[in-house]
N, C-alpha and C. Protein backbone atom coordinates (compact mmCIF):
# COMPACT_ATOMS: atom_id res chain seq x y z
N MET A 1 -22.01 -0.63 19.79
CA MET A 1 -20.73 -1.23 19.97
C MET A 1 -21.12 -2.40 19.02
N ARG A 2 -19.84 -2.91 18.43
CA ARG A 2 -19.95 -4.10 17.59
C ARG A 2 -20.28 -5.20 18.57
N ALA A 3 -21.40 -6.44 17.80
CA ALA A 3 -21.41 -7.47 18.68
C ALA A 3 -20.07 -8.14 19.38
N ALA A 4 -18.93 -8.51 18.59
CA ALA A 4 -17.79 -9.60 19.13
C ALA A 4 -17.44 -8.33 20.28
N GLU A 5 -17.52 -7.33 20.37
CA GLU A 5 -16.90 -6.22 21.60
C GLU A 5 -17.86 -6.58 22.80
N ALA A 6 -18.81 -6.55 22.47
CA ALA A 6 -19.98 -6.96 23.60
C ALA A 6 -19.61 -8.29 23.91
N LEU A 7 -19.45 -9.05 23.27
CA LEU A 7 -19.40 -10.73 23.88
C LEU A 7 -18.27 -10.39 24.62
N LEU A 8 -16.86 -9.87 24.34
CA LEU A 8 -15.85 -9.99 25.07
C LEU A 8 -16.15 -9.26 26.32
N LEU A 9 -16.77 -8.32 26.27
CA LEU A 9 -17.12 -7.55 27.85
C LEU A 9 -18.03 -8.38 28.64
N GLY A 10 -19.03 -8.65 28.13
CA GLY A 10 -19.87 -9.82 28.61
C GLY A 10 -19.59 -10.94 29.24
N SER A 11 -18.34 -11.56 28.72
CA SER A 11 -17.71 -12.75 29.15
C SER A 11 -16.83 -12.38 30.55
N ALA A 12 -16.54 -11.24 30.51
CA ALA A 12 -15.94 -11.10 31.95
C ALA A 12 -16.66 -10.96 32.66
N VAL A 13 -18.00 -11.01 32.68
CA VAL A 13 -19.24 -10.47 33.68
C VAL A 13 -19.96 -11.88 33.99
N LEU A 14 -19.85 -12.72 33.15
CA LEU A 14 -20.77 -14.00 32.91
C LEU A 14 -20.19 -15.20 32.85
N ARG A 15 -20.00 -15.90 33.73
CA ARG A 15 -19.25 -17.35 33.47
C ARG A 15 -20.14 -18.20 32.16
N PRO A 16 -19.32 -18.49 31.55
CA PRO A 16 -20.02 -19.48 30.46
C PRO A 16 -20.90 -20.99 30.91
N VAL A 17 -22.28 -20.82 30.21
CA VAL A 17 -23.17 -21.63 31.12
C VAL A 17 -23.70 -21.93 29.69
N SER A 18 -23.81 -23.10 28.92
CA SER A 18 -24.79 -23.58 27.63
C SER A 18 -26.25 -23.63 28.23
N GLY A 19 -26.86 -23.46 27.21
CA GLY A 19 -28.22 -23.22 26.83
C GLY A 19 -29.25 -22.62 27.60
N ILE A 20 -28.49 -21.19 28.12
CA ILE A 20 -29.54 -20.50 29.32
C ILE A 20 -28.54 -19.04 29.00
N VAL A 21 -29.58 -18.29 28.74
CA VAL A 21 -29.28 -16.92 28.31
C VAL A 21 -28.51 -16.38 29.56
N ASN A 22 -29.16 -16.22 30.70
CA ASN A 22 -28.61 -15.77 32.02
C ASN A 22 -29.30 -17.02 33.09
N ASN A 23 -28.49 -17.42 34.11
CA ASN A 23 -29.05 -18.47 34.91
C ASN A 23 -29.43 -17.45 36.33
N GLY A 24 -29.13 -16.17 36.34
CA GLY A 24 -29.58 -15.64 37.61
C GLY A 24 -28.50 -15.93 38.68
N HIS A 25 -27.52 -16.42 38.27
CA HIS A 25 -26.42 -16.77 39.42
C HIS A 25 -25.20 -16.68 38.91
N GLY A 26 -25.08 -15.35 37.68
CA GLY A 26 -23.39 -15.21 37.31
C GLY A 26 -23.36 -16.22 35.95
N GLY A 27 -24.15 -16.83 35.38
CA GLY A 27 -23.63 -17.39 34.09
C GLY A 27 -24.64 -17.22 32.90
N GLY A 28 -24.19 -17.67 32.26
CA GLY A 28 -24.75 -17.45 30.57
C GLY A 28 -24.41 -17.83 29.69
N CYS A 29 -25.14 -17.83 28.05
CA CYS A 29 -24.59 -17.85 27.09
C CYS A 29 -24.02 -16.93 26.39
N ALA A 30 -23.03 -17.42 25.27
CA ALA A 30 -22.86 -16.14 24.41
C ALA A 30 -23.84 -15.15 24.05
N LEU A 31 -25.03 -15.43 23.86
CA LEU A 31 -26.24 -14.68 23.42
C LEU A 31 -26.26 -13.59 24.90
N GLY A 32 -26.44 -14.35 26.12
CA GLY A 32 -26.53 -13.90 27.47
C GLY A 32 -25.48 -12.75 27.45
N MET A 33 -24.11 -12.80 27.38
CA MET A 33 -23.02 -12.23 27.79
C MET A 33 -23.10 -10.87 26.87
N ILE A 34 -23.44 -11.27 25.84
CA ILE A 34 -23.87 -9.87 24.56
C ILE A 34 -25.01 -9.00 25.01
N ALA A 35 -25.94 -9.57 25.94
CA ALA A 35 -27.33 -8.67 26.51
C ALA A 35 -26.67 -8.21 27.95
N LYS A 36 -25.96 -8.60 28.26
CA LYS A 36 -25.71 -8.54 29.62
C LYS A 36 -24.58 -7.01 29.18
N SER A 37 -23.68 -7.39 28.33
CA SER A 37 -22.62 -6.33 28.24
C SER A 37 -23.35 -4.94 27.62
N ILE A 38 -24.31 -5.09 27.08
CA ILE A 38 -24.96 -3.68 26.49
C ILE A 38 -26.38 -3.54 27.68
N GLY A 39 -26.24 -3.91 28.63
CA GLY A 39 -27.41 -3.67 29.62
C GLY A 39 -28.97 -3.70 29.26
N VAL A 40 -29.08 -4.63 28.23
CA VAL A 40 -30.44 -5.02 28.21
C VAL A 40 -30.97 -6.39 28.17
N SER A 41 -31.91 -6.79 28.00
CA SER A 41 -32.56 -8.24 27.92
C SER A 41 -32.19 -8.71 26.74
N PRO A 42 -32.29 -10.20 26.32
CA PRO A 42 -31.50 -11.02 25.54
C PRO A 42 -32.55 -10.22 24.23
N ARG A 43 -33.76 -10.26 24.22
CA ARG A 43 -34.96 -9.88 23.64
C ARG A 43 -34.78 -8.39 23.04
N VAL A 44 -34.39 -7.63 23.91
CA VAL A 44 -33.79 -5.90 23.26
C VAL A 44 -32.62 -5.82 22.66
N ALA A 45 -31.47 -6.99 22.70
CA ALA A 45 -30.17 -7.34 22.16
C ALA A 45 -30.49 -7.68 20.66
N TYR A 46 -31.58 -8.89 20.80
CA TYR A 46 -31.81 -8.97 19.54
C TYR A 46 -32.07 -7.73 18.28
N LYS A 47 -32.90 -7.16 19.00
CA LYS A 47 -33.33 -5.73 18.55
C LYS A 47 -32.57 -4.62 18.14
N SER A 48 -31.43 -4.74 19.14
CA SER A 48 -30.34 -3.88 18.92
C SER A 48 -29.02 -4.38 17.77
N TYR A 49 -29.01 -5.76 17.32
CA TYR A 49 -28.08 -6.52 16.78
C TYR A 49 -29.36 -6.99 15.55
N SER A 50 -29.87 -6.32 14.92
CA SER A 50 -31.37 -6.87 14.12
C SER A 50 -30.62 -7.85 13.00
N TRP A 51 -29.34 -7.62 12.69
CA TRP A 51 -28.91 -8.88 11.55
C TRP A 51 -28.49 -10.00 12.57
N PHE A 52 -28.93 -10.42 13.79
CA PHE A 52 -28.67 -11.85 14.13
C PHE A 52 -29.85 -12.38 13.66
N VAL A 53 -30.73 -11.61 13.50
CA VAL A 53 -31.86 -12.69 12.67
C VAL A 53 -32.11 -12.42 10.90
N ASP A 54 -31.91 -11.24 10.87
CA ASP A 54 -31.76 -10.98 9.40
C ASP A 54 -30.97 -11.84 8.43
N LYS A 55 -29.94 -11.88 9.05
CA LYS A 55 -29.14 -12.62 8.32
C LYS A 55 -28.80 -14.16 8.33
N GLU A 56 -28.76 -15.01 7.55
CA GLU A 56 -28.94 -16.28 7.54
C GLU A 56 -27.70 -16.92 6.49
N MET A 57 -27.36 -17.76 7.06
CA MET A 57 -26.23 -18.83 6.39
C MET A 57 -26.16 -20.18 7.05
N ALA A 58 -25.23 -20.59 6.15
CA ALA A 58 -25.18 -22.45 6.60
C ALA A 58 -23.87 -22.05 7.71
N LEU A 59 -24.15 -23.18 8.60
CA LEU A 59 -23.37 -23.47 10.13
C LEU A 59 -21.87 -23.31 9.36
N PRO A 60 -20.69 -22.62 9.85
CA PRO A 60 -19.74 -22.61 9.73
C PRO A 60 -18.74 -23.54 10.51
N CYS A 61 -19.28 -24.37 10.82
CA CYS A 61 -18.32 -25.83 11.81
C CYS A 61 -18.86 -26.90 10.95
N GLY A 62 -19.69 -26.84 9.89
CA GLY A 62 -19.70 -28.37 8.96
C GLY A 62 -20.71 -29.07 9.73
N CYS A 63 -21.62 -29.05 10.55
CA CYS A 63 -22.32 -30.05 11.60
C CYS A 63 -23.53 -29.92 10.36
N GLN A 64 -23.62 -31.23 10.56
CA GLN A 64 -25.27 -31.70 9.64
C GLN A 64 -26.23 -31.22 10.59
N ALA A 65 -27.40 -30.37 9.88
CA ALA A 65 -28.52 -29.80 10.38
C ALA A 65 -29.74 -30.23 9.78
N PRO A 66 -30.88 -30.37 10.25
CA PRO A 66 -31.74 -30.19 9.19
C PRO A 66 -32.42 -29.11 8.24
N ARG A 67 -31.62 -27.86 8.53
CA ARG A 67 -31.86 -26.86 7.40
C ARG A 67 -30.23 -26.25 6.98
N ASN A 68 -30.54 -25.52 5.80
CA ASN A 68 -29.28 -25.58 5.10
C ASN A 68 -28.86 -24.23 5.68
N TYR A 69 -29.65 -23.43 6.23
CA TYR A 69 -29.44 -21.94 6.75
C TYR A 69 -29.89 -21.60 7.91
N TYR A 70 -29.33 -20.81 8.75
CA TYR A 70 -29.97 -20.62 10.39
C TYR A 70 -29.51 -18.70 10.29
N ASN A 71 -30.09 -18.35 10.99
CA ASN A 71 -29.82 -16.99 11.53
C ASN A 71 -28.54 -16.70 12.35
N ILE A 72 -27.90 -15.61 12.22
CA ILE A 72 -26.87 -15.64 13.06
C ILE A 72 -26.91 -15.82 14.66
N GLY A 73 -28.02 -15.28 15.49
CA GLY A 73 -28.54 -15.80 16.56
C GLY A 73 -28.52 -17.48 16.90
N ALA A 74 -28.71 -17.93 15.90
CA ALA A 74 -29.14 -19.52 16.13
C ALA A 74 -27.74 -20.04 16.05
N ILE A 75 -26.59 -19.29 14.70
CA ILE A 75 -25.73 -20.14 14.90
C ILE A 75 -24.44 -19.79 16.35
N ILE A 76 -24.77 -18.71 17.05
CA ILE A 76 -24.05 -18.11 17.93
C ILE A 76 -24.47 -19.32 18.95
N ALA A 77 -25.30 -19.32 19.23
CA ALA A 77 -25.88 -20.41 20.08
C ALA A 77 -25.17 -21.54 20.19
N HIS A 78 -25.67 -21.94 18.77
CA HIS A 78 -25.19 -23.52 18.46
C HIS A 78 -23.98 -23.36 18.62
N LEU A 79 -23.09 -22.50 18.42
CA LEU A 79 -21.28 -22.60 18.14
C LEU A 79 -20.87 -22.54 19.45
N PHE A 80 -21.84 -21.96 20.38
CA PHE A 80 -20.84 -21.60 21.93
C PHE A 80 -21.67 -22.86 22.75
N ASP A 81 -23.05 -23.64 22.63
CA ASP A 81 -22.98 -24.35 23.36
C ASP A 81 -22.68 -25.87 23.00
N ALA A 82 -22.47 -26.19 21.53
CA ALA A 82 -21.98 -27.30 21.16
C ALA A 82 -20.38 -27.25 20.83
N HIS A 83 -19.83 -26.43 20.65
CA HIS A 83 -18.43 -26.43 20.13
C HIS A 83 -17.69 -25.97 21.52
N ILE A 84 -17.99 -24.75 21.95
CA ILE A 84 -17.33 -24.26 23.03
C ILE A 84 -17.89 -25.25 24.36
N MET A 85 -18.81 -25.29 24.71
CA MET A 85 -18.96 -25.94 25.90
C MET A 85 -19.41 -27.21 25.74
N ASN A 86 -19.16 -28.11 24.68
CA ASN A 86 -19.85 -29.39 24.26
C ASN A 86 -20.86 -29.86 24.81
N LYS A 87 -22.03 -29.18 24.46
CA LYS A 87 -23.53 -29.37 25.28
C LYS A 87 -24.36 -29.24 23.91
N GLY A 88 -25.59 -29.66 24.17
CA GLY A 88 -26.43 -29.44 22.94
C GLY A 88 -27.39 -30.50 23.04
N TYR A 89 -28.28 -30.49 21.88
CA TYR A 89 -29.18 -31.67 21.57
C TYR A 89 -28.47 -32.03 20.10
N HIS A 90 -28.81 -33.46 19.80
CA HIS A 90 -28.42 -34.02 18.69
C HIS A 90 -26.95 -34.31 18.53
N MET A 91 -26.17 -34.19 19.69
CA MET A 91 -24.79 -34.34 19.71
C MET A 91 -24.22 -34.93 18.54
N GLU A 92 -24.55 -36.44 18.38
CA GLU A 92 -24.01 -37.16 17.50
C GLU A 92 -24.06 -36.63 15.91
N LYS A 93 -24.75 -35.67 15.46
CA LYS A 93 -24.74 -35.19 13.96
C LYS A 93 -23.89 -33.76 14.27
N TRP A 94 -23.00 -33.49 15.06
CA TRP A 94 -22.45 -32.05 15.20
C TRP A 94 -20.75 -32.88 14.83
N THR A 95 -20.10 -32.13 14.30
CA THR A 95 -18.67 -32.32 13.77
C THR A 95 -17.76 -32.67 15.09
N MET A 96 -18.16 -32.00 16.12
CA MET A 96 -17.42 -31.52 17.46
C MET A 96 -16.06 -30.90 17.21
N GLU A 97 -15.76 -30.40 16.04
CA GLU A 97 -15.20 -29.39 15.93
C GLU A 97 -14.78 -28.54 17.21
N LYS A 98 -13.89 -28.19 17.99
CA LYS A 98 -13.25 -27.41 19.24
C LYS A 98 -13.42 -26.17 18.49
N TRP A 99 -14.07 -25.32 19.03
CA TRP A 99 -13.99 -23.69 18.91
C TRP A 99 -13.76 -23.00 20.23
N THR A 100 -12.97 -22.04 20.39
CA THR A 100 -12.71 -21.26 21.55
C THR A 100 -13.60 -19.79 21.38
N MET A 101 -13.50 -19.08 22.46
CA MET A 101 -14.35 -18.30 22.62
C MET A 101 -13.41 -17.03 21.72
N GLU A 102 -12.08 -16.98 21.59
CA GLU A 102 -11.63 -15.80 20.67
C GLU A 102 -11.80 -16.26 19.13
N LYS A 103 -12.28 -17.88 18.91
CA LYS A 103 -12.84 -17.86 17.64
C LYS A 103 -13.89 -17.38 16.91
N LEU A 104 -14.98 -17.58 18.13
CA LEU A 104 -16.14 -17.15 17.92
C LEU A 104 -16.53 -15.66 17.92
N VAL A 105 -15.60 -14.97 18.46
CA VAL A 105 -15.69 -13.49 18.67
C VAL A 105 -14.92 -13.10 17.34
N ALA A 106 -14.09 -13.78 16.67
CA ALA A 106 -13.43 -13.64 15.36
C ALA A 106 -14.41 -13.83 14.50
N TRP A 107 -15.26 -14.61 14.36
CA TRP A 107 -16.41 -15.10 13.93
C TRP A 107 -17.10 -14.30 13.33
N ILE A 108 -17.82 -14.02 14.85
CA ILE A 108 -18.95 -12.89 15.05
C ILE A 108 -18.50 -11.57 14.25
N ASP A 109 -17.08 -11.17 14.40
CA ASP A 109 -16.85 -9.92 14.30
C ASP A 109 -16.70 -10.11 12.54
N GLU A 110 -16.58 -11.07 11.61
CA GLU A 110 -16.47 -11.10 10.33
C GLU A 110 -18.04 -11.05 9.77
N GLN A 111 -18.69 -11.48 10.51
CA GLN A 111 -20.56 -11.22 10.25
C GLN A 111 -21.02 -10.20 10.46
N ASP A 112 -20.19 -9.11 11.59
CA ASP A 112 -20.94 -7.83 11.80
C ASP A 112 -21.17 -7.08 11.03
N PRO A 113 -22.38 -6.16 10.16
CA PRO A 113 -21.90 -5.15 9.20
C PRO A 113 -22.22 -4.04 9.86
N THR A 114 -22.01 -3.62 11.25
CA THR A 114 -21.82 -2.54 11.94
C THR A 114 -20.77 -1.95 11.50
N PRO A 115 -20.59 -0.71 11.17
CA PRO A 115 -19.44 0.07 10.83
C PRO A 115 -18.29 0.34 12.02
N ARG A 116 -17.41 0.24 11.98
CA ARG A 116 -16.38 0.07 12.73
C ARG A 116 -16.24 1.61 13.38
N GLU A 117 -16.10 1.49 14.49
CA GLU A 117 -15.72 3.18 15.06
C GLU A 117 -14.00 3.70 14.67
N VAL A 118 -13.68 4.79 14.02
CA VAL A 118 -12.88 5.36 13.53
C VAL A 118 -12.59 6.27 14.75
N GLU A 119 -11.42 6.41 14.98
CA GLU A 119 -10.79 7.46 15.74
C GLU A 119 -10.13 8.68 14.97
N VAL A 120 -10.83 9.69 15.10
CA VAL A 120 -10.65 10.67 13.88
C VAL A 120 -9.43 11.73 14.94
N VAL A 121 -8.28 11.69 14.40
CA VAL A 121 -7.73 12.79 14.98
C VAL A 121 -7.26 13.61 14.13
N VAL A 122 -7.68 15.21 14.36
CA VAL A 122 -7.65 16.38 13.80
C VAL A 122 -6.26 16.90 14.41
N GLU A 123 -5.32 17.14 13.45
CA GLU A 123 -4.37 17.98 13.98
C GLU A 123 -4.10 19.58 14.03
N GLU A 124 -3.79 20.10 15.01
CA GLU A 124 -3.89 22.13 15.24
C GLU A 124 -3.33 22.49 14.16
N GLN A 125 -3.80 23.09 13.51
CA GLN A 125 -3.00 24.15 12.45
C GLN A 125 -2.93 25.15 12.99
N LYS A 126 -1.35 25.28 12.41
CA LYS A 126 -0.62 26.73 13.11
C LYS A 126 -0.55 27.80 11.93
N GLU A 127 -0.81 29.00 12.17
CA GLU A 127 -1.38 30.13 11.30
C GLU A 127 0.54 30.75 11.16
N LEU A 128 0.66 30.73 9.72
CA LEU A 128 1.88 31.45 9.54
C LEU A 128 1.86 32.91 9.44
N VAL A 129 2.42 33.73 10.10
CA VAL A 129 1.92 35.30 10.05
C VAL A 129 3.42 35.45 9.33
N LEU A 130 3.42 36.08 8.39
CA LEU A 130 4.84 37.11 7.71
C LEU A 130 4.82 38.36 8.31
N ALA A 131 5.59 38.97 8.87
CA ALA A 131 5.96 40.11 9.03
C ALA A 131 6.42 40.99 8.15
């Protein structure tokens, strides 16, 4: 399952809470939602989506940050906490550009190197018999 799909499924199970993967009371962050939807711990989710750690890039929101590049997992956490939930550390350095869950899902889907599942339809071939 692609990470964007996992986030959508997880968001139906956990209510959004910033800064915590799973609060034990039905709430969690975007990374917690992804982990919940695939039925694993957050640590295993990071292994399932190794590109969360392996792939680094600049923040897509334009926020001033101490480093030029962050791994995708850290970016997902930042976007969810600061731009969807409007919470986090060093808020004075953030652009405060408002993101929606749909925008985050679309951004994650753009980054995901996992091949998309394609439904293959095989038509039944009819044999023509000449008499």
